[in-house]
Amino acid sequence: MASGDYSKFQQKVINNYYQNIDAISIQRLQELITELYLAETEKKAEQLWQRVHKAMLNVKVHPDIINHIMTRRDVQVLARNVEQWQKKK
């Protein structure tokens, strides 16, 4: 579907989504933290960490911070950072 094929309402919804992508990604990170605490297998945890990485890229987190969090893979470190990012937004 070309961009001209969207109704005015659909265009507004799409624009609002992209304007709020940071807030949406931070909320998603909060949900992923909960899922990581509850992950029962290493495979599931690995999948969740990959989703965490993608969400941090959407929030435009500094690459050094992303590397630190992804290297440590400590849910508590992630949670503290997400709390700080939420306060900034």
Protein backbone atom coordinates (compact mmCIF):
# COMPACT_ATOMS: atom_id res chain seq x y z
CA MET A 1 0.00 0.00 0.00
CA ALA A 2 1.46 3.36 -0.99
CA SER A 3 1.38 6.22 1.51
CA GLY A 4 -1.27 7.95 -0.59
CA ASP A 5 -3.57 4.98 -0.09
CA TYR A 6 -4.02 5.67 3.63
CA SER A 7 -7.00 7.63 4.86
CA LYS A 8 -6.43 10.83 6.85
CA PHE A 9 -7.26 8.93 10.05
CA GLN A 10 -4.79 6.15 9.24
CA GLN A 11 -2.07 8.72 8.44
CA LYS A 12 -2.70 10.42 11.80
CA VAL A 13 -2.47 7.08 13.65
CA ILE A 14 0.79 6.24 11.89
CA ASN A 15 2.26 9.68 12.62
CA ASN A 16 1.26 9.47 16.29
CA TYR A 17 2.89 6.06 16.58
CA TYR A 18 6.21 7.33 15.28
CA GLN A 19 6.03 10.48 17.42
CA ASN A 20 5.59 8.31 20.52
CA ILE A 21 7.98 5.48 19.63
CA ASP A 22 10.25 6.32 22.59
CA ALA A 23 7.46 6.02 25.15
CA ILE A 24 6.15 2.87 23.48
CA SER A 25 9.64 1.32 23.50
CA ILE A 26 10.22 2.19 27.16
CA GLN A 27 6.90 0.59 28.08
CA ARG A 28 7.91 -2.47 26.05
CA LEU A 29 11.23 -2.59 27.92
CA GLN A 30 9.33 -2.61 31.22
CA GLU A 31 7.25 -5.54 30.00
CA LEU A 32 10.39 -7.36 28.84
CA ILE A 33 11.97 -6.92 32.29
CA THR A 34 9.02 -8.75 33.81
CA GLU A 35 9.24 -11.48 31.19
CA LEU A 36 12.99 -11.87 31.83
CA TYR A 37 12.38 -12.36 35.55
CA LEU A 38 9.87 -15.08 34.70
CA ALA A 39 11.82 -16.74 31.88
CA GLU A 40 12.13 -20.45 32.59
CA THR A 41 14.72 -21.43 29.99
CA GLU A 42 17.95 -19.97 28.67
CA LYS A 43 16.52 -20.07 25.15
CA LYS A 44 13.54 -17.95 26.16
CA ALA A 45 15.80 -15.52 28.03
CA GLU A 46 18.05 -15.19 24.97
CA GLN A 47 15.06 -14.35 22.78
CA LEU A 48 13.92 -11.74 25.30
CA TRP A 49 17.39 -10.16 25.47
CA GLN A 50 17.36 -9.78 21.68
CA ARG A 51 14.03 -7.97 21.95
CA VAL A 52 15.50 -5.79 24.72
CA HIS A 53 18.35 -4.87 22.38
CA LYS A 54 15.94 -3.85 19.62
CA ALA A 55 13.83 -1.78 22.02
CA MET A 56 16.93 0.03 23.33
CA LEU A 57 17.85 0.91 19.75
CA ASN A 58 14.35 2.38 19.28
CA VAL A 59 14.83 4.53 22.39
CA LYS A 60 18.17 5.66 20.92
CA VAL A 61 20.18 4.61 23.97
CA HIS A 62 23.89 5.39 23.72
CA PRO A 63 25.71 2.42 22.14
CA ASP A 64 28.12 2.12 25.10
CA ILE A 65 25.19 1.69 27.48
CA ILE A 66 23.58 -0.86 25.17
CA ASN A 67 26.85 -2.80 24.99
CA HIS A 68 27.23 -2.71 28.79
CA ILE A 69 23.69 -3.97 29.40
CA MET A 70 23.90 -6.64 26.71
CA THR A 71 27.29 -7.84 28.00
CA ARG A 72 26.16 -8.04 31.63
CA ARG A 73 22.67 -9.36 30.87
CA ASP A 74 21.64 -8.37 34.37
CA VAL A 75 17.92 -7.66 34.64
CA GLN A 76 18.46 -5.37 37.65
CA VAL A 77 20.90 -3.18 35.70
CA LEU A 78 18.41 -3.00 32.85
CA ALA A 79 15.57 -2.12 35.23
CA ARG A 80 17.54 0.74 36.84
CA ASN A 81 18.41 2.16 33.43
CA VAL A 82 14.85 1.90 32.15
CA GLU A 83 13.65 3.73 35.25
CA GLN A 84 16.07 6.58 34.49
CA TRP A 85 15.08 6.71 30.83
CA GLN A 86 11.42 6.86 31.78
CA LYS A 87 12.07 9.86 34.04
CA LYS A 88 13.83 11.66 31.17
CA LYS A 89 10.91 11.16 28.78
